[in-house]
């Protein structure tokens, strides 16, 4: 399963690449509006692969993403439940008449 979380995308992959170092931060990405995309459980490996892929994420049972604009709930910070799995972390891009550009959310 893949997830779109505003300007962040999690794309399911079969396994993590070799040689990654776990990041201690719970911030996956700072969104285009300046708001953090964070998580509560799992492992994050930030590494610039190309202009789209900024790392990898390993979700465990019960992992949630948090953001002020995306997800469920009536609290200030909304939640999105993520299935257990391994994901490529990407900055969302869109194809425009002027070419590819980051999604501004």
C-alpha atoms as a PDB file:
ATOM      1  CA  UNK A   1       0.000   0.000   0.000  1.00  0.00           C
ATOM      2  CA  UNK A   2       1.202   3.529  -0.783  1.00  0.00           C
ATOM      3  CA  UNK A   3       0.328   6.702   1.124  1.00  0.00           C
ATOM      4  CA  UNK A   4       0.018  10.358   0.178  1.00  0.00           C
ATOM      5  CA  UNK A   5       0.329  12.655   3.183  1.00  0.00           C
ATOM      6  CA  UNK A   6       0.119  16.141   1.681  1.00  0.00           C
ATOM      7  CA  UNK A   7       3.435  16.829  -0.049  1.00  0.00           C
ATOM      8  CA  UNK A   8       4.936  13.608   1.367  1.00  0.00           C
ATOM      9  CA  UNK A   9       4.521  10.169  -0.222  1.00  0.00           C
ATOM     10  CA  UNK A  10       5.347   6.742   1.206  1.00  0.00           C
ATOM     11  CA  UNK A  11       5.841   4.146  -1.546  1.00  0.00           C
ATOM     12  CA  UNK A  12       5.892   0.473  -0.473  1.00  0.00           C
ATOM     13  CA  UNK A  13       9.089  -1.440  -1.315  1.00  0.00           C
ATOM     14  CA  UNK A  14      10.168  -5.024  -0.553  1.00  0.00           C
ATOM     15  CA  UNK A  15      13.363  -4.333   1.425  1.00  0.00           C
ATOM     16  CA  UNK A  16      15.624  -1.575   2.674  1.00  0.00           C
ATOM     17  CA  UNK A  17      18.782  -0.790   0.710  1.00  0.00           C
ATOM     18  CA  UNK A  18      22.036  -1.824   2.372  1.00  0.00           C
ATOM     19  CA  UNK A  19      24.200   0.587   4.379  1.00  0.00           C
ATOM     20  CA  UNK A  20      21.517   2.913   5.790  1.00  0.00           C
ATOM     21  CA  UNK A  21      21.865   4.661   9.158  1.00  0.00           C
ATOM     22  CA  UNK A  22      18.785   5.170  11.294  1.00  0.00           C
ATOM     23  CA  UNK A  23      17.853   8.807  11.918  1.00  0.00           C
ATOM     24  CA  UNK A  24      16.963   9.639  15.537  1.00  0.00           C
ATOM     25  CA  UNK A  25      14.533  12.435  14.611  1.00  0.00           C
ATOM     26  CA  UNK A  26      10.786  11.786  14.485  1.00  0.00           C
ATOM     27  CA  UNK A  27      10.418  14.412  11.703  1.00  0.00           C
ATOM     28  CA  UNK A  28      10.151  12.723   8.318  1.00  0.00           C
ATOM     29  CA  UNK A  29       9.932  15.994   6.392  1.00  0.00           C
ATOM     30  CA  UNK A  30       9.068  19.647   6.877  1.00  0.00           C
ATOM     31  CA  UNK A  31       6.170  20.352   4.546  1.00  0.00           C
ATOM     32  CA  UNK A  32       5.919  23.204   2.071  1.00  0.00           C
ATOM     33  CA  UNK A  33       3.779  25.132   4.587  1.00  0.00           C
ATOM     34  CA  UNK A  34       6.485  24.804   7.259  1.00  0.00           C
ATOM     35  CA  UNK A  35       4.634  22.117   9.230  1.00  0.00           C
ATOM     36  CA  UNK A  36       6.381  18.890  10.261  1.00  0.00           C
ATOM     37  CA  UNK A  37       5.313  15.438   9.071  1.00  0.00           C
ATOM     38  CA  UNK A  38       6.153  13.308  12.140  1.00  0.00           C
ATOM     39  CA  UNK A  39       5.632   9.721  13.298  1.00  0.00           C
ATOM     40  CA  UNK A  40       5.377   7.849  16.597  1.00  0.00           C
ATOM     41  CA  UNK A  41       6.704   4.326  15.891  1.00  0.00           C
ATOM     42  CA  UNK A  42       9.085   2.861  13.350  1.00  0.00           C
ATOM     43  CA  UNK A  43      12.507   3.637  11.931  1.00  0.00           C
ATOM     44  CA  UNK A  44      13.491   6.484   9.640  1.00  0.00           C
ATOM     45  CA  UNK A  45      16.525   6.515   7.363  1.00  0.00           C
ATOM     46  CA  UNK A  46      17.044   9.942   5.768  1.00  0.00           C
ATOM     47  CA  UNK A  47      19.322   9.951   2.738  1.00  0.00           C
ATOM     48  CA  UNK A  48      19.079  11.901  -0.501  1.00  0.00           C
ATOM     49  CA  UNK A  49      18.734   9.368  -3.313  1.00  0.00           C
ATOM     50  CA  UNK A  50      17.540  11.736  -6.068  1.00  0.00           C
ATOM     51  CA  UNK A  51      15.334  14.826  -6.461  1.00  0.00           C
ATOM     52  CA  UNK A  52      12.270  12.805  -5.410  1.00  0.00           C
ATOM     53  CA  UNK A  53      13.464  10.207  -2.895  1.00  0.00           C
ATOM     54  CA  UNK A  54      14.697  11.567   0.452  1.00  0.00           C
ATOM     55  CA  UNK A  55      14.935   8.376   2.486  1.00  0.00           C
ATOM     56  CA  UNK A  56      13.282   5.212   3.731  1.00  0.00           C
ATOM     57  CA  UNK A  57      10.820   4.413   6.493  1.00  0.00           C
ATOM     58  CA  UNK A  58      10.081   1.153   8.284  1.00  0.00           C
ATOM     59  CA  UNK A  59       6.623   1.181   9.884  1.00  0.00           C
ATOM     60  CA  UNK A  60       5.713  -1.243  12.659  1.00  0.00           C
ATOM     61  CA  UNK A  61       2.275  -2.343  13.841  1.00  0.00           C
ATOM     62  CA  UNK A  62       0.303   0.733  14.958  1.00  0.00           C
ATOM     63  CA  UNK A  63       2.541   3.384  13.348  1.00  0.00           C
ATOM     64  CA  UNK A  64       0.894   6.795  12.934  1.00  0.00           C
ATOM     65  CA  UNK A  65       1.889   9.865  10.950  1.00  0.00           C
ATOM     66  CA  UNK A  66       1.024  13.289  12.366  1.00  0.00           C
ATOM     67  CA  UNK A  67       0.476  16.631  10.654  1.00  0.00           C
ATOM     68  CA  UNK A  68      -1.647  19.684  11.306  1.00  0.00           C
ATOM     69  CA  UNK A  69      -3.513  19.362   7.968  1.00  0.00           C
ATOM     70  CA  UNK A  70      -3.573  15.667   6.974  1.00  0.00           C
ATOM     71  CA  UNK A  71      -5.257  12.701   8.611  1.00  0.00           C
ATOM     72  CA  UNK A  72      -8.151  11.954  10.918  1.00  0.00           C
ATOM     73  CA  UNK A  73      -9.261  13.492  14.189  1.00  0.00           C
ATOM     74  CA  UNK A  74     -10.528  16.755  15.589  1.00  0.00           C
ATOM     75  CA  UNK A  75      -7.386  17.672  17.546  1.00  0.00           C
ATOM     76  CA  UNK A  76      -4.954  20.309  16.331  1.00  0.00           C
ATOM     77  CA  UNK A  77      -2.627  17.566  15.041  1.00  0.00           C
ATOM     78  CA  UNK A  78      -4.298  14.963  12.822  1.00  0.00           C
ATOM     79  CA  UNK A  79      -3.293  11.280  12.634  1.00  0.00           C
ATOM     80  CA  UNK A  80      -2.923   8.787   9.778  1.00  0.00           C
ATOM     81  CA  UNK A  81      -2.464   5.073  10.532  1.00  0.00           C
ATOM     82  CA  UNK A  82       0.231   3.413   8.387  1.00  0.00           C
ATOM     83  CA  UNK A  83       0.362  -0.333   7.725  1.00  0.00           C
ATOM     84  CA  UNK A  84       3.416  -2.255   8.849  1.00  0.00           C
ATOM     85  CA  UNK A  85       5.932  -2.279   6.011  1.00  0.00           C
ATOM     86  CA  UNK A  86       8.945  -0.716   4.351  1.00  0.00           C
ATOM     87  CA  UNK A  87       8.546   2.493   2.368  1.00  0.00           C
ATOM     88  CA  UNK A  88      10.527   4.821   0.164  1.00  0.00           C
ATOM     89  CA  UNK A  89      10.034   8.418   1.377  1.00  0.00           C
ATOM     90  CA  UNK A  90       9.399  10.874  -1.460  1.00  0.00           C
ATOM     91  CA  UNK A  91       8.675  14.547  -1.834  1.00  0.00           C
ATOM     92  CA  UNK A  92       5.544  14.690  -3.978  1.00  0.00           C
ATOM     93  CA  UNK A  93       6.083  16.085  -7.477  1.00  0.00           C
ATOM     94  CA  UNK A  94       3.589  17.169 -10.105  1.00  0.00           C
ATOM     95  CA  UNK A  95       3.909  17.449 -13.856  1.00  0.00           C
ATOM     96  CA  UNK A  96       2.987  20.927 -15.119  1.00  0.00           C
ATOM     97  CA  UNK A  97       3.274  22.687 -18.481  1.00  0.00           C
ATOM     98  CA  UNK A  98       6.542  24.136 -17.183  1.00  0.00           C
ATOM     99  CA  UNK A  99       7.852  20.674 -16.160  1.00  0.00           C
ATOM    100  CA  UNK A 100       8.090  18.762 -12.889  1.00  0.00           C
ATOM    101  CA  UNK A 101       7.828  20.723  -9.642  1.00  0.00           C
ATOM    102  CA  UNK A 102       7.356  19.928  -5.933  1.00  0.00           C
ATOM    103  CA  UNK A 103       3.770  19.736  -4.697  1.00  0.00           C
ATOM    104  CA  UNK A 104       2.915  22.824  -2.649  1.00  0.00           C
ATOM    105  CA  UNK A 105       0.417  21.735  -0.041  1.00  0.00           C
END
